[in-house]
Amino acid sequence: MGLFWNLIQQSQINEQYDKSQSLELRVAYLEEELRNTQELLLKTLKVLEEYTNQDINGDGKIGK
């Protein structure tokens, strides 16, 4: 019975490890997507401020 129980526990440990690896990959992907989205937002804001000649984000500068 002990060997069987050890196999079950090892299987559960491996399953949790796989889930944690998958979670780490998803978090890394989401962090990269967030960076890309923020960069695009800043570029868009710069163009919009230059086009409208207004300080939209309230930083005291237009297009910077």
PDB file of N, CA and C in Angstrom:
ATOM      1  N   MET A   1       0.824  -1.199   0.000  1.00  0.00           N
ATOM      2  CA  MET A   1       0.000   0.000   0.000  1.00  0.00           C
ATOM      3  C   MET A   1       0.870   1.266   0.000  1.00  0.00           C
ATOM      4  N   GLY A   2       2.021   1.208   0.684  1.00  0.00           N
ATOM      5  CA  GLY A   2       2.894   2.365   0.757  1.00  0.00           C
ATOM      6  C   GLY A   2       3.426   2.780  -0.600  1.00  0.00           C
ATOM      7  N   LEU A   3       3.801   1.820  -1.427  1.00  0.00           N
ATOM      8  CA  LEU A   3       4.307   2.116  -2.761  1.00  0.00           C
ATOM      9  C   LEU A   3       3.227   2.779  -3.611  1.00  0.00           C
ATOM     10  N   PHE A   4       2.008   2.262  -3.510  1.00  0.00           N
ATOM     11  CA  PHE A   4       0.886   2.823  -4.257  1.00  0.00           C
ATOM     12  C   PHE A   4       0.634   4.270  -3.829  1.00  0.00           C
ATOM     13  N   TRP A   5       0.664   4.510  -2.521  1.00  0.00           N
ATOM     14  CA  TRP A   5       0.439   5.864  -2.003  1.00  0.00           C
ATOM     15  C   TRP A   5       1.551   6.809  -2.471  1.00  0.00           C
ATOM     16  N   ASN A   6       2.793   6.332  -2.475  1.00  0.00           N
ATOM     17  CA  ASN A   6       3.913   7.153  -2.953  1.00  0.00           C
ATOM     18  C   ASN A   6       3.738   7.518  -4.430  1.00  0.00           C
ATOM     19  N   LEU A   7       3.257   6.580  -5.223  1.00  0.00           N
ATOM     20  CA  LEU A   7       3.018   6.860  -6.643  1.00  0.00           C
ATOM     21  C   LEU A   7       1.947   7.919  -6.821  1.00  0.00           C
ATOM     22  N   ILE A   8       0.892   7.831  -6.033  1.00  0.00           N
ATOM     23  CA  ILE A   8      -0.185   8.833  -6.103  1.00  0.00           C
ATOM     24  C   ILE A   8       0.360  10.209  -5.725  1.00  0.00           C
ATOM     25  N   GLN A   9       1.123  10.262  -4.637  1.00  0.00           N
ATOM     26  CA  GLN A   9       1.678  11.544  -4.201  1.00  0.00           C
ATOM     27  C   GLN A   9       2.637  12.123  -5.242  1.00  0.00           C
ATOM     28  N   GLN A  10       3.474  11.282  -5.822  1.00  0.00           N
ATOM     29  CA  GLN A  10       4.409  11.758  -6.841  1.00  0.00           C
ATOM     30  C   GLN A  10       3.658  12.286  -8.053  1.00  0.00           C
ATOM     31  N   SER A  11       2.584  11.609  -8.412  1.00  0.00           N
ATOM     32  CA  SER A  11       1.763  12.061  -9.525  1.00  0.00           C
ATOM     33  C   SER A  11       1.160  13.435  -9.230  1.00  0.00           C
ATOM     34  N   GLN A  12       0.689  13.626  -8.007  1.00  0.00           N
ATOM     35  CA  GLN A  12       0.107  14.911  -7.623  1.00  0.00           C
ATOM     36  C   GLN A  12       1.176  16.012  -7.603  1.00  0.00           C
ATOM     37  N   ILE A  13       2.360  15.675  -7.144  1.00  0.00           N
ATOM     38  CA  ILE A  13       3.465  16.645  -7.128  1.00  0.00           C
ATOM     39  C   ILE A  13       3.811  17.060  -8.555  1.00  0.00           C
ATOM     40  N   ASN A  14       3.914  16.083  -9.445  1.00  0.00           N
ATOM     41  CA  ASN A  14       4.222  16.382 -10.847  1.00  0.00           C
ATOM     42  C   ASN A  14       3.127  17.230 -11.483  1.00  0.00           C
ATOM     43  N   GLU A  15       1.889  16.937 -11.147  1.00  0.00           N
ATOM     44  CA  GLU A  15       0.760  17.698 -11.698  1.00  0.00           C
ATOM     45  C   GLU A  15       0.821  19.151 -11.235  1.00  0.00           C
ATOM     46  N   GLN A  16       1.117  19.375  -9.954  1.00  0.00           N
ATOM     47  CA  GLN A  16       1.225  20.733  -9.427  1.00  0.00           C
ATOM     48  C   GLN A  16       2.403  21.472 -10.054  1.00  0.00           C
ATOM     49  N   TYR A  17       3.499  20.767 -10.271  1.00  0.00           N
ATOM     50  CA  TYR A  17       4.664  21.377 -10.908  1.00  0.00           C
ATOM     51  C   TYR A  17       4.307  21.829 -12.329  1.00  0.00           C
ATOM     52  N   ASP A  18       3.628  20.961 -13.069  1.00  0.00           N
ATOM     53  CA  ASP A  18       3.221  21.319 -14.426  1.00  0.00           C
ATOM     54  C   ASP A  18       2.300  22.525 -14.429  1.00  0.00           C
ATOM     55  N   LYS A  19       1.384  22.574 -13.462  1.00  0.00           N
ATOM     56  CA  LYS A  19       0.470  23.717 -13.375  1.00  0.00           C
ATOM     57  C   LYS A  19       1.237  24.999 -13.062  1.00  0.00           C
ATOM     58  N   SER A  20       2.221  24.918 -12.163  1.00  0.00           N
ATOM     59  CA  SER A  20       2.983  26.115 -11.807  1.00  0.00           C
ATOM     60  C   SER A  20       3.809  26.591 -12.994  1.00  0.00           C
ATOM     61  N   GLN A  21       4.374  25.673 -13.753  1.00  0.00           N
ATOM     62  CA  GLN A  21       5.136  26.052 -14.942  1.00  0.00           C
ATOM     63  C   GLN A  21       4.222  26.734 -15.954  1.00  0.00           C
ATOM     64  N   SER A  22       3.044  26.164 -16.125  1.00  0.00           N
ATOM     65  CA  SER A  22       2.082  26.739 -17.056  1.00  0.00           C
ATOM     66  C   SER A  22       1.678  28.139 -16.600  1.00  0.00           C
ATOM     67  N   LEU A  23       1.473  28.308 -15.311  1.00  0.00           N
ATOM     68  CA  LEU A  23       1.096  29.611 -14.765  1.00  0.00           C
ATOM     69  C   LEU A  23       2.218  30.626 -14.974  1.00  0.00           C
ATOM     70  N   GLU A  24       3.454  30.214 -14.748  1.00  0.00           N
ATOM     71  CA  GLU A  24       4.585  31.118 -14.951  1.00  0.00           C
ATOM     72  C   GLU A  24       4.679  31.557 -16.406  1.00  0.00           C
ATOM     73  N   LEU A  25       4.439  30.647 -17.319  1.00  0.00           N
ATOM     74  CA  LEU A  25       4.465  30.992 -18.743  1.00  0.00           C
ATOM     75  C   LEU A  25       3.349  31.971 -19.085  1.00  0.00           C
ATOM     76  N   ARG A  26       2.174  31.744 -18.522  1.00  0.00           N
ATOM     77  CA  ARG A  26       1.054  32.653 -18.801  1.00  0.00           C
ATOM     78  C   ARG A  26       1.321  34.035 -18.233  1.00  0.00           C
ATOM     79  N   VAL A  27       1.893  34.098 -17.023  1.00  0.00           N
ATOM     80  CA  VAL A  27       2.207  35.393 -16.418  1.00  0.00           C
ATOM     81  C   VAL A  27       3.251  36.122 -17.261  1.00  0.00           C
ATOM     82  N   ALA A  28       4.272  35.411 -17.705  1.00  0.00           N
ATOM     83  CA  ALA A  28       5.303  36.032 -18.546  1.00  0.00           C
ATOM     84  C   ALA A  28       4.690  36.564 -19.836  1.00  0.00           C
ATOM     85  N   TYR A  29       3.796  35.788 -20.434  1.00  0.00           N
ATOM     86  CA  TYR A  29       3.125  36.224 -21.658  1.00  0.00           C
ATOM     87  C   TYR A  29       2.292  37.481 -21.398  1.00  0.00           C
ATOM     88  N   LEU A  30       1.537  37.480 -20.310  1.00  0.00           N
ATOM     89  CA  LEU A  30       0.697  38.638 -19.992  1.00  0.00           C
ATOM     90  C   LEU A  30       1.533  39.876 -19.679  1.00  0.00           C
ATOM     91  N   GLU A  31       2.657  39.687 -19.007  1.00  0.00           N
ATOM     92  CA  GLU A  31       3.535  40.827 -18.735  1.00  0.00           C
ATOM     93  C   GLU A  31       4.074  41.422 -20.030  1.00  0.00           C
ATOM     94  N   GLU A  32       4.451  40.572 -20.968  1.00  0.00           N
ATOM     95  CA  GLU A  32       4.937  41.053 -22.268  1.00  0.00           C
ATOM     96  C   GLU A  32       3.818  41.773 -23.022  1.00  0.00           C
ATOM     97  N   GLU A  33       2.627  41.228 -22.994  1.00  0.00           N
ATOM     98  CA  GLU A  33       1.492  41.877 -23.648  1.00  0.00           C
ATOM     99  C   GLU A  33       1.193  43.226 -23.014  1.00  0.00           C
ATOM    100  N   LEU A  34       1.304  43.312 -21.690  1.00  0.00           N
ATOM    101  CA  LEU A  34       1.080  44.584 -21.005  1.00  0.00           C
ATOM    102  C   LEU A  34       2.111  45.619 -21.443  1.00  0.00           C
ATOM    103  N   ARG A  35       3.378  45.219 -21.518  1.00  0.00           N
ATOM    104  CA  ARG A  35       4.428  46.145 -21.975  1.00  0.00           C
ATOM    105  C   ARG A  35       4.128  46.631 -23.389  1.00  0.00           C
ATOM    106  N   ASN A  36       3.760  45.714 -24.265  1.00  0.00           N
ATOM    107  CA  ASN A  36       3.452  46.097 -25.647  1.00  0.00           C
ATOM    108  C   ASN A  36       2.262  47.040 -25.708  1.00  0.00           C
ATOM    109  N   THR A  37       1.252  46.776 -24.909  1.00  0.00           N
ATOM    110  CA  THR A  37       0.064  47.632 -24.887  1.00  0.00           C
ATOM    111  C   THR A  37       0.403  49.015 -24.361  1.00  0.00           C
ATOM    112  N   GLN A  38       1.226  49.076 -23.322  1.00  0.00           N
ATOM    113  CA  GLN A  38       1.617  50.374 -22.771  1.00  0.00           C
ATOM    114  C   GLN A  38       2.429  51.178 -23.775  1.00  0.00           C
ATOM    115  N   GLU A  39       3.331  50.521 -24.477  1.00  0.00           N
ATOM    116  CA  GLU A  39       4.124  51.209 -25.501  1.00  0.00           C
ATOM    117  C   GLU A  39       3.227  51.761 -26.607  1.00  0.00           C
ATOM    118  N   LEU A  40       2.280  50.954 -27.039  1.00  0.00           N
ATOM    119  CA  LEU A  40       1.357  51.398 -28.083  1.00  0.00           C
ATOM    120  C   LEU A  40       0.501  52.557 -27.596  1.00  0.00           C
ATOM    121  N   LEU A  41       0.059  52.492 -26.353  1.00  0.00           N
ATOM    122  CA  LEU A  41      -0.745  53.569 -25.787  1.00  0.00           C
ATOM    123  C   LEU A  41       0.041  54.870 -25.739  1.00  0.00           C
ATOM    124  N   LEU A  42       1.301  54.801 -25.333  1.00  0.00           N
ATOM    125  CA  LEU A  42       2.123  56.014 -25.282  1.00  0.00           C
ATOM    126  C   LEU A  42       2.360  56.594 -26.671  1.00  0.00           C
ATOM    127  N   LYS A  43       2.617  55.731 -27.646  1.00  0.00           N
ATOM    128  CA  LYS A  43       2.797  56.202 -29.022  1.00  0.00           C
ATOM    129  C   LYS A  43       1.520  56.851 -29.547  1.00  0.00           C
ATOM    130  N   THR A  44       0.397  56.228 -29.250  1.00  0.00           N
ATOM    131  CA  THR A  44      -0.896  56.761 -29.693  1.00  0.00           C
ATOM    132  C   THR A  44      -1.171  58.104 -29.039  1.00  0.00           C
ATOM    133  N   LEU A  45      -0.892  58.198 -27.740  1.00  0.00           N
ATOM    134  CA  LEU A  45      -1.104  59.453 -27.018  1.00  0.00           C
ATOM    135  C   LEU A  45      -0.237  60.560 -27.600  1.00  0.00           C
ATOM    136  N   LYS A  46       1.019  60.255 -27.899  1.00  0.00           N
ATOM    137  CA  LYS A  46       1.919  61.254 -28.473  1.00  0.00           C
ATOM    138  C   LYS A  46       1.373  61.780 -29.795  1.00  0.00           C
ATOM    139  N   VAL A  47       0.954  60.875 -30.662  1.00  0.00           N
ATOM    140  CA  VAL A  47       0.420  61.280 -31.967  1.00  0.00           C
ATOM    141  C   VAL A  47      -0.855  62.106 -31.781  1.00  0.00           C
ATOM    142  N   LEU A  48      -1.718  61.670 -30.873  1.00  0.00           N
ATOM    143  CA  LEU A  48      -2.977  62.378 -30.645  1.00  0.00           C
ATOM    144  C   LEU A  48      -2.726  63.770 -30.086  1.00  0.00           C
ATOM    145  N   GLU A  49      -1.787  63.890 -29.158  1.00  0.00           N
ATOM    146  CA  GLU A  49      -1.473  65.211 -28.617  1.00  0.00           C
ATOM    147  C   GLU A  49      -0.901  66.126 -29.691  1.00  0.00           C
ATOM    148  N   GLU A  50      -0.020  65.576 -30.515  1.00  0.00           N
ATOM    149  CA  GLU A  50       0.543  66.397 -31.588  1.00  0.00           C
ATOM    150  C   GLU A  50      -0.532  66.799 -32.590  1.00  0.00           C
ATOM    151  N   TYR A  51      -1.441  65.890 -32.877  1.00  0.00           N
ATOM    152  CA  TYR A  51      -2.490  66.180 -33.854  1.00  0.00           C
ATOM    153  C   TYR A  51      -3.461  67.241 -33.328  1.00  0.00           C
ATOM    154  N   THR A  52      -3.839  67.131 -32.061  1.00  0.00           N
ATOM    155  CA  THR A  52      -4.817  68.068 -31.498  1.00  0.00           C
ATOM    156  C   THR A  52      -4.159  69.296 -30.882  1.00  0.00           C
ATOM    157  N   ASN A  53      -2.815  69.229 -30.717  1.00  0.00           N
ATOM    158  CA  ASN A  53      -2.076  70.305 -30.073  1.00  0.00           C
ATOM    159  C   ASN A  53      -2.610  70.596 -28.671  1.00  0.00           C
ATOM    160  N   GLN A  54      -2.930  69.531 -27.949  1.00  0.00           N
ATOM    161  CA  GLN A  54      -3.436  69.642 -26.579  1.00  0.00           C
ATOM    162  C   GLN A  54      -2.679  68.671 -25.678  1.00  0.00           C
ATOM    163  N   ASP A  55      -2.559  69.056 -24.407  1.00  0.00           N
ATOM    164  CA  ASP A  55      -1.938  68.196 -23.402  1.00  0.00           C
ATOM    165  C   ASP A  55      -3.019  67.279 -22.835  1.00  0.00           C
ATOM    166  N   ILE A  56      -3.152  66.109 -23.392  1.00  0.00           N
ATOM    167  CA  ILE A  56      -4.237  65.195 -23.014  1.00  0.00           C
ATOM    168  C   ILE A  56      -3.950  64.490 -21.685  1.00  0.00           C
ATOM    169  N   ASN A  57      -2.718  64.086 -21.450  1.00  0.00           N
ATOM    170  CA  ASN A  57      -2.423  63.320 -20.240  1.00  0.00           C
ATOM    171  C   ASN A  57      -2.042  64.184 -19.035  1.00  0.00           C
ATOM    172  N   GLY A  58      -2.020  65.487 -19.200  1.00  0.00           N
ATOM    173  CA  GLY A  58      -1.793  66.395 -18.097  1.00  0.00           C
ATOM    174  C   GLY A  58      -0.364  66.456 -17.580  1.00  0.00           C
ATOM    175  N   ASP A  59       0.600  66.124 -18.426  1.00  0.00           N
ATOM    176  CA  ASP A  59       1.997  66.165 -17.988  1.00  0.00           C
ATOM    177  C   ASP A  59       2.659  67.510 -18.278  1.00  0.00           C
ATOM    178  N   GLY A  60       1.903  68.452 -18.830  1.00  0.00           N
ATOM    179  CA  GLY A  60       2.442  69.765 -19.137  1.00  0.00           C
ATOM    180  C   GLY A  60       3.189  69.853 -20.440  1.00  0.00           C
ATOM    181  N   LYS A  61       3.204  68.756 -21.192  1.00  0.00           N
ATOM    182  CA  LYS A  61       3.899  68.721 -22.479  1.00  0.00           C
ATOM    183  C   LYS A  61       2.958  68.192 -23.554  1.00  0.00           C
ATOM    184  N   ILE A  62       3.229  68.620 -24.753  1.00  0.00           N
ATOM    185  CA  ILE A  62       2.425  68.141 -25.879  1.00  0.00           C
ATOM    186  C   ILE A  62       3.283  67.221 -26.731  1.00  0.00           C
ATOM    187  N   GLY A  63       2.867  65.984 -26.853  1.00  0.00           N
ATOM    188  CA  GLY A  63       3.557  65.039 -27.714  1.00  0.00           C
ATOM    189  C   GLY A  63       4.851  64.489 -27.172  1.00  0.00           C
ATOM    190  N   LYS A  64       5.041  64.504 -25.869  1.00  0.00           N
ATOM    191  CA  LYS A  64       6.290  63.972 -25.317  1.00  0.00           C
ATOM    192  C   LYS A  64       6.021  62.945 -24.254  1.00  0.00           C
TER     193      LYS A  64
END
